[in-house]
Amino acid sequence: MTSSAPFAAARAPRANPFQLIGRTVLAALREIGRIAVFWGRVLLACVTPTIYVREFLRQCLKIGFYSMPVVGLTAVFIGAALALNIYTGGSRFNAEQFVPNIVVLGISRELGPTLAGLMLAGRVSAGIAAEIGAMRVTEQIDALLTLSTKPERYLYAPRVLAAIITLPILVVVTDIIGVMGGYLVSVGSLNFNGDTYLRNTWQFVTNNDIVSGLIKAAVFGAIIALMGCYQGDRSKGGAGGVGRAATLAVVGAAVLILASNYVMTSIFVRIGL
């Protein structure tokens, strides 16, 4: 019996790589399906009554107003660094005069909404996931269900609506502060004329530039809140599970923001927006 043990071990079936790939793909598809169903339920709750107005206003304050310092500081340094880099590259082709044009275009179309979305993904999405995750592991969400209160209507919809509405407002603030950061560096360090800089900025930016950035901001806001709610709702295992939910919410929101930014940019380029 003992001598046949090595042969039995040798005859043990090896893991089929195609089975591993299949299991991975099926697991990914199951996760995508769960996310789609959850997002669908929450978005439906956002557009159907009843809306909890007090909770919605409280989330607007937490998501929007309290995020302004972080977004503002990010915008001013990004605008300043962008102006310096454009000036350095433009000086190689004697094209320094295009600094204000490219700064306002880059911030209003791409950097403003994307950076604001990424900053809120780190601050808001993690906060939502941790808050809802703590409610899940302490059975507070189960208590809501016993009181015939739907969590997607009372907890999730106000957060999603608040993020969708406040993030475009934050992006407008980001655009203004970012352009002014480029203005301060260009006038203070690069010897640009202040009036000429502002006039070129105002004449170059178009309504399409602003609108495309605001559309992106609304989509990013929905992604941030929905991912935080989803990961928080699925958290389990006590404090460790809440921490994992917050981490997954930030990573998932950041990846989806960058991916959706590319998709929307491609669509806007094709339709001329």
Protein backbone atom coordinates (compact mmCIF):
# COMPACT_ATOMS: atom_id res chain seq x y z
CA MET A 1 0.00 0.00 0.00
CA THR A 2 2.75 2.42 0.91
CA SER A 3 4.73 1.73 -2.24
CA SER A 4 1.79 2.60 -4.47
CA ALA A 5 1.26 6.02 -2.84
CA PRO A 6 3.79 7.88 -5.02
CA PHE A 7 2.23 6.38 -8.15
CA ALA A 8 -1.23 7.46 -6.97
CA ALA A 9 0.09 10.96 -6.41
CA ALA A 10 1.67 10.94 -9.85
CA ARG A 11 -1.64 9.87 -11.39
CA ALA A 12 -3.50 12.79 -9.71
CA PRO A 13 -5.10 15.01 -12.37
CA ARG A 14 -3.29 18.21 -13.13
CA ALA A 15 -5.09 21.55 -13.24
CA ASN A 16 -6.24 22.31 -16.75
CA PRO A 17 -5.26 25.90 -17.71
CA PHE A 18 -8.42 26.21 -19.81
CA GLN A 19 -10.50 25.37 -16.73
CA LEU A 20 -8.72 28.09 -14.76
CA ILE A 21 -9.35 30.60 -17.54
CA GLY A 22 -12.96 29.54 -17.78
CA ARG A 23 -13.53 29.87 -14.05
CA THR A 24 -11.91 33.31 -14.07
CA VAL A 25 -14.06 34.50 -16.97
CA LEU A 26 -17.24 33.14 -15.39
CA ALA A 27 -16.40 34.79 -12.08
CA ALA A 28 -15.79 38.10 -13.85
CA LEU A 29 -19.09 37.81 -15.72
CA ARG A 30 -20.94 37.02 -12.50
CA GLU A 31 -19.43 40.08 -10.85
CA ILE A 32 -20.36 42.28 -13.82
CA GLY A 33 -23.90 40.92 -13.66
CA ARG A 34 -24.19 41.63 -9.94
CA ILE A 35 -22.89 45.18 -10.46
CA ALA A 36 -25.31 45.78 -13.35
CA VAL A 37 -28.31 44.55 -11.35
CA PHE A 38 -27.34 46.60 -8.30
CA TRP A 39 -26.70 49.76 -10.34
CA GLY A 40 -29.99 49.28 -12.18
CA ARG A 41 -31.95 49.06 -8.92
CA VAL A 42 -30.26 52.13 -7.49
CA LEU A 43 -30.66 54.24 -10.64
CA LEU A 44 -34.32 53.27 -10.81
CA ALA A 45 -34.71 54.43 -7.21
CA CYS A 46 -33.09 57.75 -8.18
CA VAL A 47 -35.75 58.58 -10.78
CA THR A 48 -38.85 57.27 -9.02
CA PRO A 49 -40.52 58.55 -5.83
CA THR A 50 -39.98 58.71 -2.94
CA ILE A 51 -36.83 60.86 -2.65
CA TYR A 52 -35.56 61.53 0.86
CA VAL A 53 -34.79 65.25 0.48
CA ARG A 54 -33.15 65.76 3.87
CA GLU A 55 -30.74 62.88 3.31
CA PHE A 56 -30.06 64.13 -0.22
CA LEU A 57 -29.16 67.63 1.02
CA ARG A 58 -26.95 66.17 3.74
CA GLN A 59 -25.06 64.13 1.15
CA CYS A 60 -24.70 67.20 -1.10
CA LEU A 61 -22.97 68.94 1.80
CA LYS A 62 -20.69 65.98 2.53
CA ILE A 63 -19.82 65.12 -1.06
CA GLY A 64 -19.78 68.57 -2.63
CA PHE A 65 -18.99 71.31 -0.13
CA TYR A 66 -16.48 69.38 1.97
CA SER A 67 -14.59 68.30 -1.17
CA MET A 68 -13.94 71.85 -2.40
CA PRO A 69 -10.63 72.41 -0.55
CA VAL A 70 -9.12 69.19 -1.90
CA VAL A 71 -10.33 69.83 -5.46
CA GLY A 72 -9.26 73.48 -5.36
CA LEU A 73 -5.71 72.71 -4.22
CA THR A 74 -5.38 69.99 -6.84
CA ALA A 75 -6.63 72.31 -9.59
CA VAL A 76 -4.32 75.23 -8.86
CA PHE A 77 -1.18 73.09 -8.88
CA ILE A 78 -2.25 71.14 -11.97
CA GLY A 79 -2.97 74.38 -13.84
CA ALA A 80 0.39 75.82 -12.83
CA ALA A 81 2.33 72.67 -13.77
CA LEU A 82 0.43 72.38 -17.06
CA ALA A 83 1.32 75.95 -18.02
CA LEU A 84 5.00 75.35 -17.28
CA ASN A 85 5.11 72.15 -19.32
CA ILE A 86 3.28 73.67 -22.27
CA TYR A 87 5.62 76.65 -22.23
CA THR A 88 8.66 74.35 -22.16
CA GLY A 89 7.38 72.28 -25.09
CA GLY A 90 6.11 75.28 -27.06
CA SER A 91 9.40 77.14 -26.74
CA ARG A 92 11.05 74.45 -28.88
CA PHE A 93 8.83 75.49 -31.79
CA ASN A 94 8.45 79.21 -30.95
CA ALA A 95 4.81 78.55 -29.96
CA GLU A 96 4.79 79.95 -26.43
CA GLN A 97 1.79 82.14 -27.25
CA PHE A 98 -0.48 79.07 -27.28
CA VAL A 99 -0.02 78.40 -23.55
CA PRO A 100 -3.38 79.93 -22.45
CA ASN A 101 -5.26 78.17 -25.27
CA ILE A 102 -3.94 74.71 -24.44
CA VAL A 103 -4.26 75.21 -20.68
CA VAL A 104 -7.95 76.06 -20.83
CA LEU A 105 -8.64 73.31 -23.37
CA GLY A 106 -6.81 70.62 -21.39
CA ILE A 107 -8.39 71.58 -18.08
CA SER A 108 -11.97 72.06 -19.28
CA ARG A 109 -12.12 68.90 -21.40
CA GLU A 110 -9.88 66.40 -19.64
CA LEU A 111 -7.91 67.33 -16.56
CA GLY A 112 -10.70 69.15 -14.73
CA PRO A 113 -13.33 66.38 -14.71
CA THR A 114 -10.84 63.50 -14.58
CA LEU A 115 -8.76 64.81 -11.69
CA ALA A 116 -11.82 65.92 -9.76
CA GLY A 117 -13.31 62.47 -10.30
CA LEU A 118 -10.16 60.71 -9.14
CA MET A 119 -9.86 62.91 -6.06
CA LEU A 120 -13.48 62.22 -5.14
CA ALA A 121 -12.97 58.52 -5.83
CA GLY A 122 -10.34 58.51 -3.09
CA ARG A 123 -12.33 60.65 -0.69
CA VAL A 124 -16.02 60.03 -1.36
CA SER A 125 -16.14 56.49 -2.73
CA ALA A 126 -14.06 55.12 0.13
CA GLY A 127 -16.14 57.05 2.64
CA ILE A 128 -19.43 55.75 1.24
CA ALA A 129 -18.13 52.18 1.14
CA ALA A 130 -16.87 52.38 4.73
CA GLU A 131 -20.10 53.95 6.00
CA ILE A 132 -22.43 51.51 4.28
CA GLY A 133 -20.09 48.60 4.99
CA ALA A 134 -20.21 49.37 8.71
CA MET A 135 -24.01 49.44 8.51
CA ARG A 136 -23.99 46.11 6.68
CA VAL A 137 -21.75 44.25 9.12
CA THR A 138 -23.65 45.66 12.12
CA GLU A 139 -26.97 44.56 10.54
CA GLN A 140 -28.39 48.09 10.35
CA ILE A 141 -29.34 47.54 6.71
CA ASP A 142 -31.17 44.36 7.70
CA ALA A 143 -33.03 46.42 10.30
CA LEU A 144 -34.13 48.83 7.56
CA LEU A 145 -35.54 45.91 5.60
CA THR A 146 -37.52 44.73 8.60
CA LEU A 147 -39.04 48.24 8.78
CA SER A 148 -40.07 47.99 5.09
CA THR A 149 -37.51 50.65 4.09
CA LYS A 150 -35.59 49.87 0.93
CA PRO A 151 -31.84 50.58 1.34
CA GLU A 152 -31.45 51.55 -2.32
CA ARG A 153 -34.05 54.28 -1.82
CA TYR A 154 -33.07 55.56 1.63
CA LEU A 155 -29.29 55.03 1.61
CA TYR A 156 -28.02 54.68 -1.94
CA ALA A 157 -30.17 56.95 -4.13
CA PRO A 158 -29.50 60.17 -2.13
CA ARG A 159 -25.75 59.57 -2.36
CA VAL A 160 -25.85 58.87 -6.09
CA LEU A 161 -28.03 61.90 -6.84
CA ALA A 162 -25.82 64.12 -4.69
CA ALA A 163 -22.67 62.96 -6.48
CA ILE A 164 -24.23 63.41 -9.94
CA ILE A 165 -25.30 66.97 -9.13
CA THR A 166 -22.37 68.22 -7.08
CA LEU A 167 -19.48 66.88 -9.15
CA PRO A 168 -20.26 69.07 -12.20
CA ILE A 169 -20.35 72.06 -9.85
CA LEU A 170 -16.97 71.03 -8.46
CA VAL A 171 -15.64 70.68 -12.01
CA VAL A 172 -16.69 74.25 -12.81
CA VAL A 173 -14.74 75.38 -9.73
CA THR A 174 -11.83 73.18 -10.80
CA ASP A 175 -11.78 74.71 -14.28
CA ILE A 176 -11.75 78.26 -12.94
CA ILE A 177 -9.06 77.60 -10.33
CA GLY A 178 -6.96 75.56 -12.77
CA VAL A 179 -7.02 78.31 -15.38
CA MET A 180 -6.11 80.85 -12.72
CA GLY A 181 -3.23 78.63 -11.59
CA GLY A 182 -1.89 78.69 -15.14
CA TYR A 183 -2.49 82.45 -15.25
CA LEU A 184 -0.51 83.08 -12.07
CA VAL A 185 2.48 81.08 -13.26
CA SER A 186 2.38 82.52 -16.79
CA VAL A 187 2.16 86.12 -15.61
CA GLY A 188 4.39 85.80 -12.56
CA SER A 189 7.14 83.53 -13.91
CA LEU A 190 6.89 83.41 -17.71
CA ASN A 191 6.41 87.17 -18.35
CA PHE A 192 3.02 86.89 -20.07
CA ASN A 193 0.77 89.92 -20.22
CA GLY A 194 -2.17 89.31 -17.89
CA ASP A 195 -4.83 90.98 -20.03
CA THR A 196 -3.67 89.18 -23.16
CA TYR A 197 -3.61 85.84 -21.36
CA LEU A 198 -7.18 86.21 -20.11
CA ARG A 199 -8.43 87.49 -23.47
CA ASN A 200 -6.89 84.55 -25.34
CA THR A 201 -8.37 82.13 -22.81
CA TRP A 202 -11.86 83.62 -23.08
CA GLN A 203 -11.80 83.75 -26.89
CA PHE A 204 -10.49 80.21 -27.33
CA VAL A 205 -12.75 78.21 -24.99
CA THR A 206 -16.12 77.18 -26.46
CA ASN A 207 -19.42 75.98 -25.06
CA ASN A 208 -18.66 72.46 -26.33
CA ASP A 209 -15.50 72.35 -24.21
CA ILE A 210 -17.45 73.22 -21.07
CA VAL A 211 -20.42 70.95 -21.84
CA SER A 212 -18.28 67.91 -22.59
CA GLY A 213 -16.46 68.32 -19.28
CA LEU A 214 -19.72 68.66 -17.36
CA ILE A 215 -21.18 65.55 -18.97
CA LYS A 216 -18.08 63.61 -17.97
CA ALA A 217 -18.35 64.98 -14.44
CA ALA A 218 -21.95 63.78 -14.06
CA VAL A 219 -21.02 60.29 -15.26
CA PHE A 220 -17.98 60.19 -12.95
CA GLY A 221 -20.16 61.25 -10.03
CA ALA A 222 -22.53 58.37 -10.67
CA ILE A 223 -19.63 55.91 -10.92
CA ILE A 224 -18.06 57.14 -7.67
CA ALA A 225 -21.25 56.86 -5.61
CA LEU A 226 -22.49 53.62 -7.18
CA MET A 227 -19.18 51.84 -6.70
CA GLY A 228 -18.98 52.97 -3.08
CA CYS A 229 -22.53 51.81 -2.40
CA TYR A 230 -21.99 48.47 -4.14
CA GLN A 231 -18.78 47.57 -2.34
CA GLY A 232 -20.16 48.74 0.98
CA ASP A 233 -23.33 46.69 0.52
CA ARG A 234 -21.30 43.53 -0.20
CA SER A 235 -18.84 43.95 2.68
CA LYS A 236 -18.68 41.24 5.32
CA GLY A 237 -16.32 39.95 7.96
CA GLY A 238 -16.20 42.84 10.42
CA ALA A 239 -13.71 45.70 10.32
CA GLY A 240 -11.43 43.89 7.87
CA GLY A 241 -14.28 43.49 5.42
CA VAL A 242 -15.14 47.18 5.68
CA GLY A 243 -11.52 48.09 4.93
CA ARG A 244 -11.45 45.80 1.91
CA ALA A 245 -14.71 47.31 0.68
CA ALA A 246 -13.26 50.83 0.88
CA THR A 247 -10.14 49.77 -1.01
CA LEU A 248 -12.11 47.98 -3.73
CA ALA A 249 -14.42 50.97 -4.08
CA VAL A 250 -11.52 53.37 -4.70
CA VAL A 251 -9.75 51.06 -7.15
CA GLY A 252 -12.93 50.17 -9.03
CA ALA A 253 -14.10 53.79 -9.25
CA ALA A 254 -10.69 55.00 -10.46
CA VAL A 255 -10.45 52.34 -13.17
CA LEU A 256 -14.01 52.95 -14.36
CA ILE A 257 -13.44 56.71 -14.43
CA LEU A 258 -10.40 56.37 -16.67
CA ALA A 259 -12.08 53.81 -18.93
CA SER A 260 -15.32 55.79 -19.26
CA ASN A 261 -13.31 58.96 -19.89
CA TYR A 262 -11.73 57.35 -22.94
CA VAL A 263 -15.08 56.07 -24.19
CA MET A 264 -16.78 59.44 -23.80
CA THR A 265 -13.86 61.29 -25.39
CA SER A 266 -14.06 58.99 -28.40
CA ILE A 267 -17.81 59.60 -28.69
CA PHE A 268 -17.43 63.37 -28.35
CA VAL A 269 -14.75 63.46 -31.03
CA ARG A 270 -16.96 61.51 -33.45
CA ILE A 271 -20.05 63.67 -32.90
CA GLY A 272 -18.07 66.90 -32.89
CA LEU A 273 -18.76 67.87 -29.29
